[in-house]
N, C-alpha and C. Protein backbone atom coordinates (compact mmCIF):
# COMPACT_ATOMS: atom_id res chain seq x y z
N MET A 1 178.15 42.61 132.07
CA MET A 1 179.85 41.80 131.96
C MET A 1 179.91 40.72 131.47
N PHE A 2 180.68 39.42 132.38
CA PHE A 2 180.57 38.21 131.86
C PHE A 2 179.46 37.62 131.77
N LYS A 3 179.62 35.93 130.48
CA LYS A 3 178.90 35.10 130.11
C LYS A 3 178.27 34.37 131.64
N LYS A 4 177.34 33.47 131.67
CA LYS A 4 177.28 33.09 132.71
C LYS A 4 178.44 31.66 132.77
N ILE A 5 179.25 31.60 134.46
CA ILE A 5 180.05 30.93 134.48
C ILE A 5 179.19 29.32 135.02
N THR A 6 180.13 27.89 134.17
CA THR A 6 179.99 26.95 134.96
C THR A 6 181.16 26.54 135.78
N PHE A 7 180.46 25.77 137.01
CA PHE A 7 181.23 25.06 137.69
C PHE A 7 181.46 23.97 137.89
N GLU A 8 182.56 23.38 137.87
CA GLU A 8 182.05 21.76 137.34
C GLU A 8 183.38 20.79 138.24
N THR A 9 183.36 19.61 138.40
CA THR A 9 184.31 18.60 139.51
C THR A 9 185.19 18.57 137.95
N ALA A 10 186.64 19.28 138.27
CA ALA A 10 187.71 18.91 137.03
C ALA A 10 188.30 17.33 137.16
N THR A 11 188.15 17.02 135.69
CA THR A 11 188.46 15.62 135.52
C THR A 11 189.67 15.35 134.91
N GLN A 12 190.00 14.22 135.01
CA GLN A 12 191.84 13.42 134.32
C GLN A 12 191.35 14.72 132.96
N SER A 13 190.74 14.26 131.99
CA SER A 13 190.59 14.92 130.97
C SER A 13 190.80 16.20 130.71
N ASP A 14 190.47 16.85 131.61
CA ASP A 14 191.12 18.74 131.93
C ASP A 14 192.65 18.84 132.07
N ALA A 15 193.55 17.83 132.45
CA ALA A 15 194.61 17.71 133.00
C ALA A 15 195.57 19.01 131.80
N SER A 16 195.70 18.42 130.80
CA SER A 16 196.63 19.28 130.34
C SER A 16 195.51 20.68 129.92
N SER A 17 194.65 21.13 129.81
CA SER A 17 194.21 22.23 129.76
C SER A 17 194.39 23.19 131.47
N LEU A 18 193.86 22.13 132.40
CA LEU A 18 194.30 22.52 133.73
C LEU A 18 195.90 23.09 133.91
N ALA A 19 196.93 22.70 133.46
CA ALA A 19 198.41 22.54 133.54
C ALA A 19 198.67 23.90 132.57
N THR A 20 198.25 24.04 131.24
CA THR A 20 198.19 25.65 130.52
C THR A 20 197.58 26.59 131.80
N LEU A 21 196.38 26.14 132.14
CA LEU A 21 196.15 27.91 132.64
C LEU A 21 197.43 27.90 134.10
N VAL A 22 197.71 27.03 134.39
CA VAL A 22 198.46 27.06 136.19
C VAL A 22 200.07 27.85 135.33
N LEU A 23 200.37 27.62 134.29
CA LEU A 23 201.68 28.28 133.86
C LEU A 23 201.02 29.32 133.36
N ASP A 24 200.23 29.86 132.64
CA ASP A 24 199.81 30.80 132.25
C ASP A 24 199.76 31.79 133.39
N VAL A 25 199.01 31.66 134.13
CA VAL A 25 199.03 32.52 135.80
C VAL A 25 200.17 32.80 136.40
N SER A 26 200.69 31.15 136.31
CA SER A 26 202.31 31.50 137.73
C SER A 26 203.31 32.19 136.78
N GLN A 27 203.62 32.58 135.73
CA GLN A 27 204.54 33.38 133.94
C GLN A 27 204.13 35.13 134.98
N GLN A 28 203.08 35.10 135.21
CA GLN A 28 202.74 36.54 135.36
C GLN A 28 203.00 36.97 137.15
N SER A 29 202.19 36.21 137.80
CA SER A 29 201.97 36.58 139.38
C SER A 29 203.01 35.51 139.73
N ILE A 30 203.35 34.58 139.65
CA ILE A 30 203.73 34.10 140.63
C ILE A 30 205.59 33.59 140.58
N LEU A 31 205.89 33.38 139.05
CA LEU A 31 207.52 33.05 139.14
C LEU A 31 208.34 34.24 139.65
N PRO A 32 207.67 35.66 138.97
CA PRO A 32 208.18 36.42 139.49
C PRO A 32 208.92 36.81 141.00
N TYR A 33 208.14 36.18 141.98
CA TYR A 33 208.24 36.44 143.37
C TYR A 33 209.41 34.97 143.59
N LEU A 34 209.61 34.01 142.91
CA LEU A 34 210.81 33.15 143.22
C LEU A 34 211.92 33.08 142.43
N GLU A 35 213.18 32.31 143.27
CA GLU A 35 214.32 32.19 143.10
C GLU A 35 213.78 31.68 141.48
N SER A 36 215.19 31.66 140.92
CA SER A 36 215.47 31.20 139.87
C SER A 36 215.61 29.13 140.28
N ASN A 37 216.16 28.95 141.09
CA ASN A 37 215.95 27.35 141.46
C ASN A 37 214.36 27.19 141.80
N GLY A 38 214.07 28.22 142.10
CA GLY A 38 212.48 27.74 142.39
C GLY A 38 211.73 28.20 141.37
N GLN A 39 211.61 28.66 140.49
CA GLN A 39 210.67 29.00 139.32
C GLN A 39 211.21 27.98 137.95
N ASN A 40 212.67 27.25 138.19
CA ASN A 40 212.57 25.81 137.41
C ASN A 40 212.28 24.29 138.22
N ALA A 41 211.86 24.82 139.41
CA ALA A 41 211.60 23.42 140.19
C ALA A 41 209.64 23.65 140.13
N TYR A 42 209.22 24.88 140.40
CA TYR A 42 208.06 24.68 140.06
C TYR A 42 207.03 24.61 138.42
N VAL A 43 207.96 25.14 137.59
CA VAL A 43 207.38 24.92 136.40
C VAL A 43 207.40 23.20 135.74
N ALA A 44 208.59 22.90 136.40
CA ALA A 44 208.84 21.17 136.29
C ALA A 44 207.49 20.33 136.63
N SER A 45 207.09 20.80 138.05
CA SER A 45 206.36 20.24 138.60
C SER A 45 205.17 20.27 138.50
N ILE A 46 204.65 20.99 137.47
CA ILE A 46 203.14 21.72 137.10
C ILE A 46 202.32 20.01 136.67
N GLN A 47 202.78 19.47 135.69
CA GLN A 47 201.73 18.93 135.70
C GLN A 47 201.94 17.64 135.86
N SER A 48 202.42 17.38 137.19
CA SER A 48 202.45 16.05 138.14
C SER A 48 201.68 16.85 139.17
N ASP A 49 201.97 17.44 139.39
CA ASP A 49 201.27 18.13 140.42
C ASP A 49 199.70 18.06 139.97
N ILE A 50 199.14 18.54 139.08
CA ILE A 50 197.62 18.68 138.18
C ILE A 50 197.52 17.37 138.20
N ASN A 51 198.17 15.71 137.96
CA ASN A 51 197.94 14.62 137.82
C ASN A 51 197.59 14.14 139.19
N THR A 52 198.20 14.75 140.16
CA THR A 52 197.98 14.03 141.28
C THR A 52 196.46 14.83 141.97
N VAL A 53 196.68 16.17 142.08
CA VAL A 53 195.23 16.74 142.56
C VAL A 53 194.02 16.21 142.02
N LEU A 54 194.17 16.02 140.62
CA LEU A 54 192.80 15.32 140.34
C LEU A 54 192.64 13.64 140.58
N ASN A 55 193.38 12.85 141.59
CA ASN A 55 192.79 11.93 142.24
C ASN A 55 191.38 12.26 143.04
N ARG A 56 190.37 11.67 143.03
CA ARG A 56 189.33 12.12 143.36
C ARG A 56 189.36 11.10 144.98
N SER A 57 190.04 10.56 145.40
CA SER A 57 189.73 9.88 146.50
C SER A 57 190.68 10.39 147.72
N GLU A 58 191.65 11.56 147.47
CA GLU A 58 191.97 12.29 148.35
C GLU A 58 191.98 13.98 148.51
N TYR A 59 191.25 14.00 146.79
CA TYR A 59 191.38 15.82 146.30
C TYR A 59 189.73 15.85 146.18
N GLN A 60 189.56 17.00 146.33
CA GLN A 60 188.50 17.84 145.56
C GLN A 60 188.44 18.80 144.98
N SER A 61 188.32 18.68 143.55
CA SER A 61 188.76 19.48 142.60
C SER A 61 187.28 20.68 141.77
N VAL A 62 187.49 21.70 141.14
CA VAL A 62 186.65 22.60 140.77
C VAL A 62 187.16 23.48 139.41
N LYS A 63 186.55 23.42 138.47
CA LYS A 63 187.16 24.25 137.55
C LYS A 63 186.14 24.97 136.72
N ALA A 64 186.37 26.64 136.73
CA ALA A 64 185.14 27.29 135.92
C ALA A 64 185.44 27.60 134.64
N SER A 65 184.54 27.56 133.70
CA SER A 65 184.80 27.92 132.22
C SER A 65 183.57 28.67 131.88
N ILE A 66 184.05 29.47 131.51
CA ILE A 66 183.00 30.13 130.52
C ILE A 66 182.92 29.57 128.83
N ASN A 67 181.88 29.28 128.46
CA ASN A 67 181.63 28.84 127.07
C ASN A 67 182.49 27.76 127.05
N ASN A 68 182.58 26.80 128.10
CA ASN A 68 183.85 25.66 128.00
C ASN A 68 185.06 26.39 127.51
N LYS A 69 185.67 27.52 128.01
CA LYS A 69 187.35 27.86 128.09
C LYS A 69 187.32 28.40 129.59
N LEU A 70 188.40 27.16 129.75
CA LEU A 70 188.97 27.20 131.19
C LEU A 70 189.25 28.05 131.70
N ILE A 71 188.93 28.99 132.84
CA ILE A 71 189.15 30.20 133.09
C ILE A 71 189.31 30.04 134.57
N GLY A 72 189.20 28.99 135.43
CA GLY A 72 189.86 29.08 137.09
C GLY A 72 189.91 27.63 137.52
N PHE A 73 190.25 27.28 138.32
CA PHE A 73 190.56 26.07 139.18
C PHE A 73 191.59 26.21 140.64
N ALA A 74 190.31 25.01 140.85
CA ALA A 74 190.98 24.85 142.74
C ALA A 74 190.92 23.69 142.98
N ALA A 75 192.07 23.21 143.91
CA ALA A 75 191.77 21.98 144.49
C ALA A 75 192.31 22.12 146.12
N MET A 76 191.74 20.95 146.97
CA MET A 76 192.30 20.57 147.98
C MET A 76 191.96 19.58 148.32
N ARG A 77 193.20 19.24 149.33
CA ARG A 77 193.43 17.65 149.77
C ARG A 77 192.53 17.53 150.98
N GLU A 78 192.38 16.25 151.04
CA GLU A 78 191.69 15.72 152.17
C GLU A 78 190.90 16.75 152.94
N GLY A 79 190.18 17.60 152.62
CA GLY A 79 189.27 18.67 153.23
C GLY A 79 190.17 19.51 153.82
N ASN A 80 191.29 19.65 153.80
CA ASN A 80 192.15 20.56 154.81
C ASN A 80 192.89 21.59 154.30
N TYR A 81 192.88 20.96 153.06
CA TYR A 81 195.07 21.84 152.82
C TYR A 81 194.47 22.10 151.09
N ILE A 82 194.72 23.61 150.85
CA ILE A 82 194.58 24.08 149.35
C ILE A 82 195.44 23.73 149.02
N THR A 83 195.84 23.06 147.96
CA THR A 83 196.63 23.12 147.07
C THR A 83 196.96 24.09 145.48
N HIS A 84 196.04 24.54 145.22
CA HIS A 84 195.84 24.96 143.90
C HIS A 84 194.74 26.48 143.93
N LEU A 85 194.98 27.31 143.62
CA LEU A 85 193.74 28.12 143.42
C LEU A 85 194.14 29.08 142.23
N PHE A 86 193.88 28.64 140.84
CA PHE A 86 194.28 29.37 139.99
C PHE A 86 193.10 30.15 139.41
N VAL A 87 193.29 31.65 138.87
CA VAL A 87 192.48 32.33 138.05
C VAL A 87 193.11 32.87 136.84
N ASP A 88 192.32 32.61 135.73
CA ASP A 88 193.25 33.42 134.29
C ASP A 88 193.50 34.85 134.04
N ASN A 89 194.39 35.25 133.96
CA ASN A 89 194.90 36.75 134.30
C ASN A 89 193.84 37.43 133.83
N GLN A 90 192.94 37.52 132.54
CA GLN A 90 192.23 38.25 132.40
C GLN A 90 190.65 38.24 132.96
N TYR A 91 190.77 36.84 134.34
CA TYR A 91 188.77 37.02 135.20
C TYR A 91 189.66 37.04 136.21
N GLN A 92 191.15 37.85 136.73
CA GLN A 92 191.20 37.95 138.04
C GLN A 92 190.79 39.35 138.57
N ALA A 93 190.26 39.39 139.63
CA ALA A 93 189.53 40.31 140.44
C ALA A 93 188.51 40.53 139.76
N THR A 94 187.63 39.74 139.35
CA THR A 94 186.10 39.60 139.38
C THR A 94 185.13 38.53 140.09
N GLY A 95 185.61 37.73 141.17
CA GLY A 95 185.45 37.24 141.44
C GLY A 95 185.46 35.61 141.64
N VAL A 96 185.39 35.52 140.39
CA VAL A 96 186.08 33.86 140.11
C VAL A 96 186.41 33.22 141.10
N GLY A 97 187.80 33.87 141.85
CA GLY A 97 188.45 33.29 142.88
C GLY A 97 187.84 32.62 143.79
N LYS A 98 186.82 33.96 144.20
CA LYS A 98 186.16 33.48 145.74
C LYS A 98 185.09 32.49 145.22
N ALA A 99 184.53 32.56 144.45
CA ALA A 99 183.45 30.97 143.94
C ALA A 99 184.25 29.95 143.85
N LEU A 100 185.78 29.92 143.58
CA LEU A 100 186.49 28.76 143.14
C LEU A 100 186.11 28.23 145.16
N LEU A 101 186.59 29.40 145.93
CA LEU A 101 187.49 28.92 147.13
C LEU A 101 186.24 28.51 148.42
N ALA A 102 185.11 29.24 147.38
CA ALA A 102 183.58 28.83 148.19
C ALA A 102 183.24 27.60 148.19
N ARG A 103 183.52 27.22 146.78
CA ARG A 103 182.88 25.89 146.60
C ARG A 103 183.61 24.59 147.14
N LEU A 104 185.16 25.18 147.13
CA LEU A 104 186.20 24.14 147.92
C LEU A 104 185.72 24.35 149.31
N MET A 105 185.34 25.34 149.91
CA MET A 105 185.16 25.22 151.39
C MET A 105 183.86 24.79 151.87
N ALA A 106 183.15 24.61 151.18
CA ALA A 106 181.72 24.06 150.82
C ALA A 106 181.64 22.50 151.51
N THR A 107 182.65 22.03 150.36
CA THR A 107 182.76 20.42 150.91
C THR A 107 183.81 20.06 151.76
N SER A 108 184.32 20.87 152.68
CA SER A 108 185.02 21.11 153.52
C SER A 108 184.13 20.54 155.27
N HIS A 109 184.41 19.83 155.76
CA HIS A 109 183.80 19.95 157.43
C HIS A 109 185.49 20.13 158.50
N ALA A 110 186.63 20.38 157.58
CA ALA A 110 187.50 20.49 158.73
C ALA A 110 187.30 22.08 159.75
N ASP A 111 187.93 21.93 161.11
CA ASP A 111 187.50 23.22 161.89
C ASP A 111 188.89 23.85 161.46
N GLU A 112 189.68 23.65 160.66
CA GLU A 112 190.65 24.42 160.30
C GLU A 112 191.53 24.15 158.61
N VAL A 113 191.25 25.15 157.74
CA VAL A 113 191.85 24.73 156.39
C VAL A 113 192.75 25.55 156.57
N SER A 114 194.04 24.93 155.36
CA SER A 114 195.58 25.73 155.83
C SER A 114 195.96 25.76 154.40
N LEU A 115 197.22 26.74 153.82
CA LEU A 115 197.32 26.88 152.39
C LEU A 115 198.55 27.13 152.83
N LYS A 116 199.49 27.09 151.41
CA LYS A 116 200.47 28.01 151.90
C LYS A 116 200.51 29.08 150.37
N ALA A 117 200.44 30.34 150.42
CA ALA A 117 199.80 31.09 149.49
C ALA A 117 200.96 31.41 149.12
N SER A 118 200.85 32.08 147.81
CA SER A 118 202.06 32.80 146.73
C SER A 118 201.97 33.76 146.99
N LEU A 119 203.26 34.65 147.16
CA LEU A 119 203.21 36.22 147.67
C LEU A 119 202.14 37.01 147.04
N ASN A 120 201.70 36.45 146.19
CA ASN A 120 201.05 37.64 145.34
C ASN A 120 199.77 36.91 145.90
N ALA A 121 198.98 36.47 146.65
CA ALA A 121 197.68 35.96 147.31
C ALA A 121 197.34 36.14 148.50
N VAL A 122 198.14 36.73 149.06
CA VAL A 122 198.17 36.88 150.70
C VAL A 122 196.88 37.69 150.62
N SER A 123 197.00 38.73 150.39
CA SER A 123 196.08 39.94 150.61
C SER A 123 194.89 39.36 149.70
N PHE A 124 194.68 38.32 148.99
CA PHE A 124 193.00 37.69 148.56
C PHE A 124 193.05 36.67 150.08
N TYR A 125 193.87 35.67 150.03
CA TYR A 125 193.29 34.70 150.91
C TYR A 125 193.09 35.46 152.35
N GLU A 126 193.54 36.89 153.14
CA GLU A 126 193.03 37.70 154.20
C GLU A 126 192.11 37.85 154.25
N SER A 127 191.52 38.57 152.90
CA SER A 127 190.16 39.41 152.60
C SER A 127 188.99 38.18 152.81
N GLN A 128 189.38 36.89 152.31
CA GLN A 128 188.64 35.53 152.92
C GLN A 128 188.77 35.19 154.07
N GLY A 129 189.13 35.86 154.92
CA GLY A 129 189.41 35.51 156.51
C GLY A 129 190.61 33.60 156.79
N PHE A 130 191.62 34.20 155.99
CA PHE A 130 192.83 33.24 156.21
C PHE A 130 193.99 34.15 156.89
N VAL A 131 194.15 33.27 158.01
CA VAL A 131 195.62 34.32 158.54
C VAL A 131 196.65 33.88 158.38
N ALA A 132 198.13 34.42 158.66
CA ALA A 132 199.41 33.73 158.36
C ALA A 132 199.51 33.25 159.75
N THR A 133 200.19 32.08 159.68
CA THR A 133 200.25 31.14 160.62
C THR A 133 202.16 31.76 161.04
N GLY A 134 202.75 32.08 160.09
CA GLY A 134 204.43 32.46 160.29
C GLY A 134 204.70 33.46 159.24
N SER A 135 205.79 33.61 159.21
CA SER A 135 206.38 34.95 158.17
C SER A 135 206.36 34.06 157.00
N GLU A 136 206.96 35.18 155.92
CA GLU A 136 207.61 34.38 154.41
C GLU A 136 208.11 33.23 154.78
N MET A 137 208.14 32.24 154.22
CA MET A 137 209.70 30.90 153.83
C MET A 137 209.68 30.95 152.48
N SER A 138 210.41 30.19 152.36
CA SER A 138 211.37 29.65 151.21
C SER A 138 212.01 28.24 151.02
N VAL A 139 211.39 27.27 150.38
CA VAL A 139 211.58 26.02 150.62
C VAL A 139 212.25 26.01 149.11
N ASN A 140 213.51 25.54 148.45
CA ASN A 140 213.92 25.23 147.50
C ASN A 140 213.49 26.13 146.48
N GLY A 141 213.69 27.71 147.09
CA GLY A 141 213.48 28.63 145.57
C GLY A 141 212.28 29.28 145.74
N ILE A 142 211.26 28.31 146.18
CA ILE A 142 209.68 28.64 146.29
C ILE A 142 209.05 29.63 147.47
N ARG A 143 209.27 31.01 147.51
CA ARG A 143 208.36 31.67 148.55
C ARG A 143 206.50 31.39 148.66
N PHE A 144 206.71 31.48 149.90
CA PHE A 144 205.23 31.48 150.45
C PHE A 144 205.01 31.87 151.91
N VAL A 145 203.79 31.81 152.02
CA VAL A 145 203.46 32.28 153.49
C VAL A 145 202.48 31.55 153.77
N PRO A 146 202.74 30.72 154.81
CA PRO A 146 201.79 29.83 155.08
C PRO A 146 200.52 30.49 156.19
N MET A 147 199.00 29.60 155.88
CA MET A 147 197.98 30.34 156.31
C MET A 147 196.98 29.56 156.78
N VAL A 148 196.03 29.97 157.60
CA VAL A 148 195.47 29.11 157.90
C VAL A 148 193.26 29.56 158.26
N TRP A 149 192.76 29.52 157.90
CA TRP A 149 191.76 29.44 157.79
C TRP A 149 190.42 28.86 159.21
N GLN A 150 190.02 29.38 160.29
CA GLN A 150 189.54 28.55 161.23
C GLN A 150 188.05 28.94 161.35
N ASN A 151 187.50 27.37 161.38
CA ASN A 151 185.88 27.55 161.43
C ASN A 151 185.05 28.01 163.24
N THR A 152 184.81 29.06 163.13
CA THR A 152 184.56 29.90 164.06
C THR A 152 183.33 29.34 164.32
N HIS A 153 182.44 28.72 163.58
CA HIS A 153 181.03 28.60 163.74
C HIS A 153 181.13 26.78 164.13
N SER A 154 182.09 26.22 164.68
CA SER A 154 182.09 24.39 164.65
C SER A 154 181.21 24.36 166.20
N LYS A 155 181.33 23.27 166.36
CA LYS A 155 180.13 22.87 167.63
C LYS A 155 181.06 22.99 168.90
């Protein structure tokens, strides 16, 4: 199948390639679901959002690579809010997203982890134990479903 996937902490030196990955995946899987003002706002914020999540004092981030080619990226703020989970279009539905999510969740000690799922990702998150906490919402033309995962094994 695929060569060995390497998982590492994403660093500031990865910022440009992470932004490219996010844009490439978004053009196919996210932007078609957004209103035009949401598309513009979303694309305009990609690089600054990447720079923000690479701040290791507040965020945990992990990248997935094969032979030094970036194929996935995920980030979580303060151990309880997933801000990013992107997998190269070519590697979607291969387990990379599940592996990235598992690595992030392993760093969390929270009883709940929340996120705003893009419409195309709701079923993926449901398959990983997240549940919708509300119906589809739109903020500034960006459509999403609020979701949460609850630790059922907490003390």
